[in-house]
Amino acid sequence: QQPAYAAFRDAFAAALGALRMGSPLDPATQVGPLARVDLRDHLAA
């Protein structure tokens, strides 16, 4: 909703950017790789 949009966007962007991306076998990892390179390439496109 418009009155909350800017605050939500900024907080959401900061939280997404702070996620730890790494090996799925590392207990500290929050975001691993996608399942296949072709799926990643399709998403990037």
PDB file of all heavy atoms in Angstrom:
ATOM      1  N   GLN A   1       0.831  -1.193   0.000  1.00  0.00           N
ATOM      2  CA  GLN A   1       0.000   0.000   0.000  1.00  0.00           C
ATOM      3  C   GLN A   1       0.876   1.257   0.000  1.00  0.00           C
ATOM      4  O   GLN A   1       1.914   1.305   0.664  1.00  0.00           O
ATOM      5  CB  GLN A   1      -0.940  -0.020   1.197  1.00  0.00           C
ATOM      6  CG  GLN A   1      -2.085   0.967   1.071  1.00  0.00           C
ATOM      7  CD  GLN A   1      -3.149   0.744   2.119  1.00  0.00           C
ATOM      8  OE1 GLN A   1      -2.872   0.230   3.205  1.00  0.00           O
ATOM      9  NE2 GLN A   1      -4.386   1.146   1.819  1.00  0.00           N
ATOM     10  N   GLN A   2       0.460   2.263  -0.715  1.00  0.00           N
ATOM     11  CA  GLN A   2       1.293   3.423  -1.013  1.00  0.00           C
ATOM     12  C   GLN A   2       1.949   4.072   0.226  1.00  0.00           C
ATOM     13  O   GLN A   2       3.152   4.350   0.188  1.00  0.00           O
ATOM     14  CB  GLN A   2       0.459   4.462  -1.786  1.00  0.00           C
ATOM     15  CG  GLN A   2       1.279   5.575  -2.416  1.00  0.00           C
ATOM     16  CD  GLN A   2       1.618   6.670  -1.408  1.00  0.00           C
ATOM     17  OE1 GLN A   2       0.820   6.953  -0.514  1.00  0.00           O
ATOM     18  NE2 GLN A   2       2.793   7.282  -1.563  1.00  0.00           N
ATOM     19  N   PRO A   3       1.239   4.293   1.357  1.00  0.00           N
ATOM     20  CA  PRO A   3       1.915   4.957   2.476  1.00  0.00           C
ATOM     21  C   PRO A   3       3.106   4.175   3.029  1.00  0.00           C
ATOM     22  O   PRO A   3       4.016   4.760   3.625  1.00  0.00           O
ATOM     23  CB  PRO A   3       0.801   5.085   3.525  1.00  0.00           C
ATOM     24  CG  PRO A   3      -0.464   5.066   2.732  1.00  0.00           C
ATOM     25  CD  PRO A   3      -0.207   4.127   1.611  1.00  0.00           C
ATOM     26  N   ALA A   4       3.126   2.849   2.851  1.00  0.00           N
ATOM     27  CA  ALA A   4       4.207   2.026   3.401  1.00  0.00           C
ATOM     28  C   ALA A   4       5.225   1.615   2.338  1.00  0.00           C
ATOM     29  O   ALA A   4       6.219   0.954   2.673  1.00  0.00           O
ATOM     30  CB  ALA A   4       3.618   0.774   4.046  1.00  0.00           C
ATOM     31  N   TYR A   5       4.990   2.032   1.079  1.00  0.00           N
ATOM     32  CA  TYR A   5       5.785   1.481  -0.018  1.00  0.00           C
ATOM     33  C   TYR A   5       7.278   1.774   0.134  1.00  0.00           C
ATOM     34  O   TYR A   5       8.122   0.850   0.077  1.00  0.00           O
ATOM     35  CB  TYR A   5       5.284   2.022  -1.360  1.00  0.00           C
ATOM     36  CG  TYR A   5       6.041   1.482  -2.548  1.00  0.00           C
ATOM     37  CD1 TYR A   5       5.661   0.288  -3.144  1.00  0.00           C
ATOM     38  CD2 TYR A   5       7.146   2.158  -3.066  1.00  0.00           C
ATOM     39  CE1 TYR A   5       6.359  -0.219  -4.233  1.00  0.00           C
ATOM     40  CE2 TYR A   5       7.859   1.651  -4.146  1.00  0.00           C
ATOM     41  CZ  TYR A   5       7.452   0.463  -4.727  1.00  0.00           C
ATOM     42  OH  TYR A   5       8.153  -0.047  -5.794  1.00  0.00           O
ATOM     43  N   ALA A   6       7.665   3.006   0.306  1.00  0.00           N
ATOM     44  CA  ALA A   6       9.079   3.366   0.325  1.00  0.00           C
ATOM     45  C   ALA A   6       9.810   2.699   1.486  1.00  0.00           C
ATOM     46  O   ALA A   6      10.926   2.172   1.321  1.00  0.00           O
ATOM     47  CB  ALA A   6       9.238   4.883   0.390  1.00  0.00           C
ATOM     48  N   ALA A   7       9.199   2.703   2.665  1.00  0.00           N
ATOM     49  CA  ALA A   7       9.846   2.098   3.826  1.00  0.00           C
ATOM     50  C   ALA A   7       9.996   0.590   3.638  1.00  0.00           C
ATOM     51  O   ALA A   7      11.040   0.010   3.982  1.00  0.00           O
ATOM     52  CB  ALA A   7       9.044   2.402   5.087  1.00  0.00           C
ATOM     53  N   PHE A   8       8.956  -0.037   3.101  1.00  0.00           N
ATOM     54  CA  PHE A   8       9.033  -1.484   2.856  1.00  0.00           C
ATOM     55  C   PHE A   8      10.112  -1.793   1.822  1.00  0.00           C
ATOM     56  O   PHE A   8      10.920  -2.704   2.013  1.00  0.00           O
ATOM     57  CB  PHE A   8       7.682  -2.011   2.386  1.00  0.00           C
ATOM     58  CG  PHE A   8       7.679  -3.505   2.115  1.00  0.00           C
ATOM     59  CD1 PHE A   8       7.337  -4.397   3.120  1.00  0.00           C
ATOM     60  CD2 PHE A   8       8.038  -4.009   0.872  1.00  0.00           C
ATOM     61  CE1 PHE A   8       7.347  -5.769   2.876  1.00  0.00           C
ATOM     62  CE2 PHE A   8       8.058  -5.373   0.626  1.00  0.00           C
ATOM     63  CZ  PHE A   8       7.703  -6.247   1.632  1.00  0.00           C
ATOM     64  N   ARG A   9      10.131  -1.045   0.722  1.00  0.00           N
ATOM     65  CA  ARG A   9      11.127  -1.275  -0.331  1.00  0.00           C
ATOM     66  C   ARG A   9      12.544  -1.195   0.219  1.00  0.00           C
ATOM     67  O   ARG A   9      13.374  -2.076  -0.034  1.00  0.00           O
ATOM     68  CB  ARG A   9      10.957  -0.249  -1.452  1.00  0.00           C
ATOM     69  CG  ARG A   9      12.010  -0.371  -2.571  1.00  0.00           C
ATOM     70  CD  ARG A   9      12.023   0.883  -3.400  1.00  0.00           C
ATOM     71  NE  ARG A   9      12.354   2.053  -2.575  1.00  0.00           N
ATOM     72  CZ  ARG A   9      11.975   3.293  -2.856  1.00  0.00           C
ATOM     73  NH1 ARG A   9      11.264   3.548  -3.934  1.00  0.00           N
ATOM     74  NH2 ARG A   9      12.322   4.299  -2.047  1.00  0.00           N
ATOM     75  N   ASP A  10      12.834  -0.158   0.974  1.00  0.00           N
ATOM     76  CA  ASP A  10      14.191   0.039   1.473  1.00  0.00           C
ATOM     77  C   ASP A  10      14.584  -1.064   2.453  1.00  0.00           C
ATOM     78  O   ASP A  10      15.700  -1.598   2.395  1.00  0.00           O
ATOM     79  CB  ASP A  10      14.315   1.408   2.124  1.00  0.00           C
ATOM     80  CG  ASP A  10      14.133   2.552   1.128  1.00  0.00           C
ATOM     81  OD1 ASP A  10      14.182   2.287  -0.100  1.00  0.00           O
ATOM     82  OD2 ASP A  10      13.921   3.698   1.565  1.00  0.00           O
ATOM     83  N   ALA A  11      13.668  -1.431   3.347  1.00  0.00           N
ATOM     84  CA  ALA A  11      13.984  -2.472   4.326  1.00  0.00           C
ATOM     85  C   ALA A  11      14.095  -3.841   3.659  1.00  0.00           C
ATOM     86  O   ALA A  11      14.974  -4.654   4.002  1.00  0.00           O
ATOM     87  CB  ALA A  11      12.914  -2.498   5.418  1.00  0.00           C
ATOM     88  N   PHE A  12      13.224  -4.108   2.705  1.00  0.00           N
ATOM     89  CA  PHE A  12      13.239  -5.382   1.983  1.00  0.00           C
ATOM     90  C   PHE A  12      14.526  -5.515   1.164  1.00  0.00           C
ATOM     91  O   PHE A  12      15.193  -6.560   1.180  1.00  0.00           O
ATOM     92  CB  PHE A  12      12.011  -5.450   1.075  1.00  0.00           C
ATOM     93  CG  PHE A  12      11.715  -6.799   0.481  1.00  0.00           C
ATOM     94  CD1 PHE A  12      12.178  -7.972   1.055  1.00  0.00           C
ATOM     95  CD2 PHE A  12      10.936  -6.890  -0.673  1.00  0.00           C
ATOM     96  CE1 PHE A  12      11.869  -9.212   0.503  1.00  0.00           C
ATOM     97  CE2 PHE A  12      10.633  -8.118  -1.235  1.00  0.00           C
ATOM     98  CZ  PHE A  12      11.100  -9.276  -0.652  1.00  0.00           C
ATOM     99  N   ALA A  13      14.908  -4.455   0.479  1.00  0.00           N
ATOM    100  CA  ALA A  13      16.139  -4.478  -0.318  1.00  0.00           C
ATOM    101  C   ALA A  13      17.357  -4.716   0.570  1.00  0.00           C
ATOM    102  O   ALA A  13      18.253  -5.504   0.228  1.00  0.00           O
ATOM    103  CB  ALA A  13      16.286  -3.177  -1.091  1.00  0.00           C
ATOM    104  N   ALA A  14      17.398  -4.058   1.722  1.00  0.00           N
ATOM    105  CA  ALA A  14      18.532  -4.235   2.626  1.00  0.00           C
ATOM    106  C   ALA A  14      18.599  -5.666   3.144  1.00  0.00           C
ATOM    107  O   ALA A  14      19.688  -6.262   3.238  1.00  0.00           O
ATOM    108  CB  ALA A  14      18.435  -3.252   3.787  1.00  0.00           C
ATOM    109  N   ALA A  15      17.445  -6.235   3.473  1.00  0.00           N
ATOM    110  CA  ALA A  15      17.421  -7.598   4.001  1.00  0.00           C
ATOM    111  C   ALA A  15      17.821  -8.612   2.925  1.00  0.00           C
ATOM    112  O   ALA A  15      18.554  -9.568   3.204  1.00  0.00           O
ATOM    113  CB  ALA A  15      16.036  -7.920   4.546  1.00  0.00           C
ATOM    114  N   LEU A  16      17.347  -8.405   1.694  1.00  0.00           N
ATOM    115  CA  LEU A  16      17.740  -9.311   0.607  1.00  0.00           C
ATOM    116  C   LEU A  16      19.237  -9.225   0.338  1.00  0.00           C
ATOM    117  O   LEU A  16      19.914 -10.242   0.146  1.00  0.00           O
ATOM    118  CB  LEU A  16      16.957  -8.975  -0.666  1.00  0.00           C
ATOM    119  CG  LEU A  16      15.469  -9.304  -0.674  1.00  0.00           C
ATOM    120  CD1 LEU A  16      14.815  -8.748  -1.932  1.00  0.00           C
ATOM    121  CD2 LEU A  16      15.238 -10.808  -0.580  1.00  0.00           C
ATOM    122  N   GLY A  17      19.759  -8.006   0.328  1.00  0.00           N
ATOM    123  CA  GLY A  17      21.176  -7.825   0.057  1.00  0.00           C
ATOM    124  C   GLY A  17      22.069  -8.394   1.136  1.00  0.00           C
ATOM    125  O   GLY A  17      23.245  -8.699   0.880  1.00  0.00           O
ATOM    126  N   ALA A  18      21.544  -8.555   2.349  1.00  0.00           N
ATOM    127  CA  ALA A  18      22.344  -9.062   3.461  1.00  0.00           C
ATOM    128  C   ALA A  18      22.346 -10.581   3.560  1.00  0.00           C
ATOM    129  O   ALA A  18      23.088 -11.145   4.374  1.00  0.00           O
ATOM    130  CB  ALA A  18      21.825  -8.472   4.776  1.00  0.00           C
ATOM    131  N   LEU A  19      21.533 -11.263   2.751  1.00  0.00           N
ATOM    132  CA  LEU A  19      21.481 -12.724   2.823  1.00  0.00           C
ATOM    133  C   LEU A  19      22.826 -13.325   2.422  1.00  0.00           C
ATOM    134  O   LEU A  19      23.473 -12.865   1.475  1.00  0.00           O
ATOM    135  CB  LEU A  19      20.384 -13.263   1.912  1.00  0.00           C
ATOM    136  CG  LEU A  19      18.950 -12.987   2.359  1.00  0.00           C
ATOM    137  CD1 LEU A  19      17.965 -13.449   1.296  1.00  0.00           C
ATOM    138  CD2 LEU A  19      18.644 -13.668   3.689  1.00  0.00           C
ATOM    139  N   ARG A  20      23.218 -14.369   3.123  1.00  0.00           N
ATOM    140  CA  ARG A  20      24.494 -15.028   2.843  1.00  0.00           C
ATOM    141  C   ARG A  20      24.297 -16.078   1.757  1.00  0.00           C
ATOM    142  O   ARG A  20      23.544 -17.047   1.946  1.00  0.00           O
ATOM    143  CB  ARG A  20      25.048 -15.669   4.104  1.00  0.00           C
ATOM    144  CG  ARG A  20      26.367 -16.391   3.864  1.00  0.00           C
ATOM    145  CD  ARG A  20      26.920 -16.982   5.151  1.00  0.00           C
ATOM    146  NE  ARG A  20      28.099 -17.774   4.876  1.00  0.00           N
ATOM    147  CZ  ARG A  20      29.250 -17.655   5.512  1.00  0.00           C
ATOM    148  NH1 ARG A  20      29.393 -16.745   6.442  1.00  0.00           N
ATOM    149  NH2 ARG A  20      30.275 -18.440   5.231  1.00  0.00           N
ATOM    150  N   MET A  21      24.972 -15.911   0.634  1.00  0.00           N
ATOM    151  CA  MET A  21      24.912 -16.857  -0.462  1.00  0.00           C
ATOM    152  C   MET A  21      26.193 -17.688  -0.448  1.00  0.00           C
ATOM    153  O   MET A  21      27.298 -17.148  -0.366  1.00  0.00           O
ATOM    154  CB  MET A  21      24.775 -16.119  -1.798  1.00  0.00           C
ATOM    155  CG  MET A  21      24.473 -17.022  -2.978  1.00  0.00           C
ATOM    156  SD  MET A  21      23.911 -16.112  -4.452  1.00  0.00           S
ATOM    157  CE  MET A  21      25.379 -15.159  -4.852  1.00  0.00           C
ATOM    158  N   GLY A  22      26.045 -19.017  -0.502  1.00  0.00           N
ATOM    159  CA  GLY A  22      27.228 -19.851  -0.441  1.00  0.00           C
ATOM    160  C   GLY A  22      26.900 -21.316  -0.598  1.00  0.00           C
ATOM    161  O   GLY A  22      25.793 -21.691  -1.013  1.00  0.00           O
ATOM    162  N   SER A  23      27.849 -22.161  -0.272  1.00  0.00           N
ATOM    163  CA  SER A  23      27.692 -23.605  -0.422  1.00  0.00           C
ATOM    164  C   SER A  23      26.486 -24.092   0.370  1.00  0.00           C
ATOM    165  O   SER A  23      26.329 -23.742   1.550  1.00  0.00           O
ATOM    166  CB  SER A  23      28.945 -24.328   0.067  1.00  0.00           C
ATOM    167  OG  SER A  23      28.684 -25.725   0.207  1.00  0.00           O
ATOM    168  N   PRO A  24      25.650 -24.917  -0.219  1.00  0.00           N
ATOM    169  CA  PRO A  24      24.498 -25.434   0.535  1.00  0.00           C
ATOM    170  C   PRO A  24      24.899 -26.334   1.694  1.00  0.00           C
ATOM    171  O   PRO A  24      24.086 -26.595   2.580  1.00  0.00           O
ATOM    172  CB  PRO A  24      23.703 -26.202  -0.532  1.00  0.00           C
ATOM    173  CG  PRO A  24      24.678 -26.496  -1.617  1.00  0.00           C
ATOM    174  CD  PRO A  24      25.654 -25.365  -1.621  1.00  0.00           C
ATOM    175  N   LEU A  25      26.143 -26.806   1.711  1.00  0.00           N
ATOM    176  CA  LEU A  25      26.610 -27.644   2.812  1.00  0.00           C
ATOM    177  C   LEU A  25      27.126 -26.830   3.992  1.00  0.00           C
ATOM    178  O   LEU A  25      27.413 -27.385   5.047  1.00  0.00           O
ATOM    179  CB  LEU A  25      27.708 -28.586   2.310  1.00  0.00           C
ATOM    180  CG  LEU A  25      27.253 -29.611   1.262  1.00  0.00           C
ATOM    181  CD1 LEU A  25      28.437 -30.406   0.748  1.00  0.00           C
ATOM    182  CD2 LEU A  25      26.197 -30.547   1.843  1.00  0.00           C
ATOM    183  N   ASP A  26      27.249 -25.528   3.827  1.00  0.00           N
ATOM    184  CA  ASP A  26      27.687 -24.639   4.908  1.00  0.00           C
ATOM    185  C   ASP A  26      26.463 -24.266   5.745  1.00  0.00           C
ATOM    186  O   ASP A  26      25.512 -23.679   5.227  1.00  0.00           O
ATOM    187  CB  ASP A  26      28.334 -23.390   4.313  1.00  0.00           C
ATOM    188  CG  ASP A  26      28.877 -22.441   5.372  1.00  0.00           C
ATOM    189  OD1 ASP A  26      28.526 -22.594   6.558  1.00  0.00           O
ATOM    190  OD2 ASP A  26      29.639 -21.527   5.003  1.00  0.00           O
ATOM    191  N   PRO A  27      26.463 -24.586   7.042  1.00  0.00           N
ATOM    192  CA  PRO A  27      25.286 -24.273   7.873  1.00  0.00           C
ATOM    193  C   PRO A  27      24.935 -22.790   7.900  1.00  0.00           C
ATOM    194  O   PRO A  27      23.784 -22.435   8.194  1.00  0.00           O
ATOM    195  CB  PRO A  27      25.696 -24.766   9.264  1.00  0.00           C
ATOM    196  CG  PRO A  27      26.755 -25.788   9.022  1.00  0.00           C
ATOM    197  CD  PRO A  27      27.493 -25.314   7.808  1.00  0.00           C
ATOM    198  N   ALA A  28      25.872 -21.908   7.586  1.00  0.00           N
ATOM    199  CA  ALA A  28      25.591 -20.469   7.613  1.00  0.00           C
ATOM    200  C   ALA A  28      24.932 -19.977   6.333  1.00  0.00           C
ATOM    201  O   ALA A  28      24.458 -18.836   6.281  1.00  0.00           O
ATOM    202  CB  ALA A  28      26.887 -19.694   7.848  1.00  0.00           C
ATOM    203  N   THR A  29      24.884 -20.802   5.307  1.00  0.00           N
ATOM    204  CA  THR A  29      24.315 -20.382   4.026  1.00  0.00           C
ATOM    205  C   THR A  29      22.811 -20.203   4.126  1.00  0.00           C
ATOM    206  O   THR A  29      22.101 -21.049   4.670  1.00  0.00           O
ATOM    207  CB  THR A  29      24.651 -21.411   2.932  1.00  0.00           C
ATOM    208  OG1 THR A  29      26.054 -21.346   2.661  1.00  0.00           O
ATOM    209  CG2 THR A  29      23.891 -21.122   1.649  1.00  0.00           C
ATOM    210  N   GLN A  30      22.336 -19.087   3.582  1.00  0.00           N
ATOM    211  CA  GLN A  30      20.894 -18.825   3.523  1.00  0.00           C
ATOM    212  C   GLN A  30      20.337 -18.996   2.120  1.00  0.00           C
ATOM    213  O   GLN A  30      19.168 -19.342   1.945  1.00  0.00           O
ATOM    214  CB  GLN A  30      20.624 -17.400   4.025  1.00  0.00           C
ATOM    215  CG  GLN A  30      20.964 -17.202   5.494  1.00  0.00           C
ATOM    216  CD  GLN A  30      20.968 -15.744   5.890  1.00  0.00           C
ATOM    217  OE1 GLN A  30      21.794 -14.950   5.435  1.00  0.00           O
ATOM    218  NE2 GLN A  30      20.031 -15.363   6.755  1.00  0.00           N
ATOM    219  N   VAL A  31      21.145 -18.740   1.112  1.00  0.00           N
ATOM    220  CA  VAL A  31      20.731 -18.896  -0.281  1.00  0.00           C
ATOM    221  C   VAL A  31      21.828 -19.679  -1.009  1.00  0.00           C
ATOM    222  O   VAL A  31      22.981 -19.239  -1.055  1.00  0.00           O
ATOM    223  CB  VAL A  31      20.513 -17.535  -0.975  1.00  0.00           C
ATOM    224  CG1 VAL A  31      20.137 -17.733  -2.435  1.00  0.00           C
ATOM    225  CG2 VAL A  31      19.442 -16.737  -0.249  1.00  0.00           C
ATOM    226  N   GLY A  32      21.472 -20.819  -1.551  1.00  0.00           N
ATOM    227  CA  GLY A  32      22.415 -21.618  -2.318  1.00  0.00           C
ATOM    228  C   GLY A  32      22.330 -21.288  -3.789  1.00  0.00           C
ATOM    229  O   GLY A  32      21.659 -20.337  -4.206  1.00  0.00           O
ATOM    230  N   PRO A  33      22.984 -22.085  -4.624  1.00  0.00           N
ATOM    231  CA  PRO A  33      22.863 -21.894  -6.068  1.00  0.00           C
ATOM    232  C   PRO A  33      21.489 -22.339  -6.546  1.00  0.00           C
ATOM    233  O   PRO A  33      20.760 -23.039  -5.829  1.00  0.00           O
ATOM    234  CB  PRO A  33      23.958 -22.811  -6.620  1.00  0.00           C
ATOM    235  CG  PRO A  33      24.031 -23.917  -5.621  1.00  0.00           C
ATOM    236  CD  PRO A  33      23.814 -23.253  -4.279  1.00  0.00           C
ATOM    237  N   LEU A  34      21.118 -21.948  -7.751  1.00  0.00           N
ATOM    238  CA  LEU A  34      19.943 -22.544  -8.361  1.00  0.00           C
ATOM    239  C   LEU A  34      20.279 -23.979  -8.764  1.00  0.00           C
ATOM    240  O   LEU A  34      21.439 -24.402  -8.739  1.00  0.00           O
ATOM    241  CB  LEU A  34      19.491 -21.725  -9.561  1.00  0.00           C
ATOM    242  CG  LEU A  34      19.074 -20.275  -9.269  1.00  0.00           C
ATOM    243  CD1 LEU A  34      18.316 -19.692 -10.458  1.00  0.00           C
ATOM    244  CD2 LEU A  34      18.242 -20.151  -8.016  1.00  0.00           C
ATOM    245  N   ALA A  35      19.264 -24.735  -9.139  1.00  0.00           N
ATOM    246  CA  ALA A  35      19.469 -26.165  -9.338  1.00  0.00           C
ATOM    247  C   ALA A  35      20.316 -26.493 -10.559  1.00  0.00           C
ATOM    248  O   ALA A  35      21.069 -27.463 -10.548  1.00  0.00           O
ATOM    249  CB  ALA A  35      18.112 -26.868  -9.456  1.00  0.00           C
ATOM    250  N   ARG A  36      20.210 -25.679 -11.609  1.00  0.00           N
ATOM    251  CA  ARG A  36      20.957 -25.960 -12.845  1.00  0.00           C
ATOM    252  C   ARG A  36      21.335 -24.652 -13.500  1.00  0.00           C
ATOM    253  O   ARG A  36      20.637 -23.630 -13.348  1.00  0.00           O
ATOM    254  CB  ARG A  36      20.123 -26.782 -13.837  1.00  0.00           C
ATOM    255  CG  ARG A  36      19.627 -28.117 -13.331  1.00  0.00           C
ATOM    256  CD  ARG A  36      19.124 -28.996 -14.467  1.00  0.00           C
ATOM    257  NE  ARG A  36      18.207 -28.347 -15.365  1.00  0.00           N
ATOM    258  CZ  ARG A  36      16.876 -28.418 -15.300  1.00  0.00           C
ATOM    259  NH1 ARG A  36      16.296 -29.111 -14.328  1.00  0.00           N
ATOM    260  NH2 ARG A  36      16.105 -27.794 -16.173  1.00  0.00           N
ATOM    261  N   VAL A  37      22.402 -24.677 -14.278  1.00  0.00           N
ATOM    262  CA  VAL A  37      22.857 -23.465 -14.957  1.00  0.00           C
ATOM    263  C   VAL A  37      21.821 -22.983 -15.965  1.00  0.00           C
ATOM    264  O   VAL A  37      21.601 -21.765 -16.109  1.00  0.00           O
ATOM    265  CB  VAL A  37      24.216 -23.718 -15.636  1.00  0.00           C
ATOM    266  CG1 VAL A  37      24.599 -22.553 -16.545  1.00  0.00           C
ATOM    267  CG2 VAL A  37      25.298 -23.938 -14.581  1.00  0.00           C
ATOM    268  N   ASP A  38      21.170 -23.896 -16.678  1.00  0.00           N
ATOM    269  CA  ASP A  38      20.178 -23.454 -17.663  1.00  0.00           C
ATOM    270  C   ASP A  38      19.010 -22.748 -16.993  1.00  0.00           C
ATOM    271  O   ASP A  38      18.453 -21.781 -17.539  1.00  0.00           O
ATOM    272  CB  ASP A  38      19.690 -24.634 -18.513  1.00  0.00           C
ATOM    273  CG  ASP A  38      18.958 -25.686 -17.696  1.00  0.00           C
ATOM    274  OD1 ASP A  38      19.529 -26.156 -16.694  1.00  0.00           O
ATOM    275  OD2 ASP A  38      17.814 -26.034 -18.054  1.00  0.00           O
ATOM    276  N   LEU A  39      18.627 -23.184 -15.792  1.00  0.00           N
ATOM    277  CA  LEU A  39      17.550 -22.507 -15.060  1.00  0.00           C
ATOM    278  C   LEU A  39      18.007 -21.120 -14.613  1.00  0.00           C
ATOM    279  O   LEU A  39      17.243 -20.153 -14.671  1.00  0.00           O
ATOM    280  CB  LEU A  39      17.143 -23.345 -13.852  1.00  0.00           C
ATOM    281  CG  LEU A  39      16.571 -24.735 -14.162  1.00  0.00           C
ATOM    282  CD1 LEU A  39      16.385 -25.528 -12.874  1.00  0.00           C
ATOM    283  CD2 LEU A  39      15.254 -24.628 -14.917  1.00  0.00           C
ATOM    284  N   ARG A  40      19.253 -21.014 -14.156  1.00  0.00           N
ATOM    285  CA  ARG A  40      19.795 -19.713 -13.783  1.00  0.00           C
ATOM    286  C   ARG A  40      19.837 -18.776 -14.974  1.00  0.00           C
ATOM    287  O   ARG A  40      19.457 -17.589 -14.871  1.00  0.00           O
ATOM    288  CB  ARG A  40      21.194 -19.904 -13.201  1.00  0.00           C
ATOM    289  CG  ARG A  40      21.840 -18.647 -12.570  1.00  0.00           C
ATOM    290  CD  ARG A  40      22.497 -17.712 -13.565  1.00  0.00           C
ATOM    291  NE  ARG A  40      23.421 -18.365 -14.460  1.00  0.00           N
ATOM    292  CZ  ARG A  40      24.695 -18.644 -14.183  1.00  0.00           C
ATOM    293  NH1 ARG A  40      25.208 -18.328 -13.031  1.00  0.00           N
ATOM    294  NH2 ARG A  40      25.456 -19.230 -15.107  1.00  0.00           N
ATOM    295  N   ASP A  41      20.266 -19.288 -16.114  1.00  0.00           N
ATOM    296  CA  ASP A  41      20.362 -18.446 -17.307  1.00  0.00           C
ATOM    297  C   ASP A  41      18.982 -17.956 -17.752  1.00  0.00           C
ATOM    298  O   ASP A  41      18.835 -16.811 -18.204  1.00  0.00           O
ATOM    299  CB  ASP A  41      21.048 -19.203 -18.439  1.00  0.00           C
ATOM    300  CG  ASP A  41      22.532 -19.446 -18.166  1.00  0.00           C
ATOM    301  OD1 ASP A  41      23.077 -18.809 -17.251  1.00  0.00           O
ATOM    302  OD2 ASP A  41      23.125 -20.271 -18.876  1.00  0.00           O
ATOM    303  N   HIS A  42      17.972 -18.804 -17.617  1.00  0.00           N
ATOM    304  CA  HIS A  42      16.613 -18.392 -17.987  1.00  0.00           C
ATOM    305  C   HIS A  42      16.120 -17.293 -17.056  1.00  0.00           C
ATOM    306  O   HIS A  42      15.539 -16.292 -17.513  1.00  0.00           O
ATOM    307  CB  HIS A  42      15.671 -19.593 -17.931  1.00  0.00           C
ATOM    308  CG  HIS A  42      14.246 -19.256 -18.230  1.00  0.00           C
ATOM    309  ND1 HIS A  42      13.814 -18.816 -19.458  1.00  0.00           N
ATOM    310  CD2 HIS A  42      13.138 -19.268 -17.434  1.00  0.00           C
ATOM    311  CE1 HIS A  42      12.521 -18.589 -19.428  1.00  0.00           C
ATOM    312  NE2 HIS A  42      12.081 -18.846 -18.207  1.00  0.00           N
ATOM    313  N   LEU A  43      16.369 -17.443 -15.761  1.00  0.00           N
ATOM    314  CA  LEU A  43      15.962 -16.414 -14.804  1.00  0.00           C
ATOM    315  C   LEU A  43      16.682 -15.104 -15.091  1.00  0.00           C
ATOM    316  O   LEU A  43      16.064 -14.021 -15.095  1.00  0.00           O
ATOM    317  CB  LEU A  43      16.261 -16.885 -13.384  1.00  0.00           C
ATOM    318  CG  LEU A  43      15.910 -15.916 -12.258  1.00  0.00           C
ATOM    319  CD1 LEU A  43      14.405 -15.719 -12.165  1.00  0.00           C
ATOM    320  CD2 LEU A  43      16.464 -16.422 -10.920  1.00  0.00           C
ATOM    321  N   ALA A  44      17.991 -15.176 -15.350  1.00  0.00           N
ATOM    322  CA  ALA A  44      18.759 -13.963 -15.646  1.00  0.00           C
ATOM    323  C   ALA A  44      18.230 -13.275 -16.897  1.00  0.00           C
ATOM    324  O   ALA A  44      18.149 -12.040 -16.957  1.00  0.00           O
ATOM    325  CB  ALA A  44      20.232 -14.313 -15.814  1.00  0.00           C
ATOM    326  N   ALA A  45      17.847 -14.058 -17.908  1.00  0.00           N
ATOM    327  CA  ALA A  45      17.305 -13.474 -19.129  1.00  0.00           C
ATOM    328  C   ALA A  45      15.973 -12.786 -18.865  1.00  0.00           C
ATOM    329  O   ALA A  45      15.685 -11.710 -19.436  1.00  0.00           O
ATOM    330  CB  ALA A  45      17.142 -14.561 -20.195  1.00  0.00           C
TER     331      ALA A  45
END
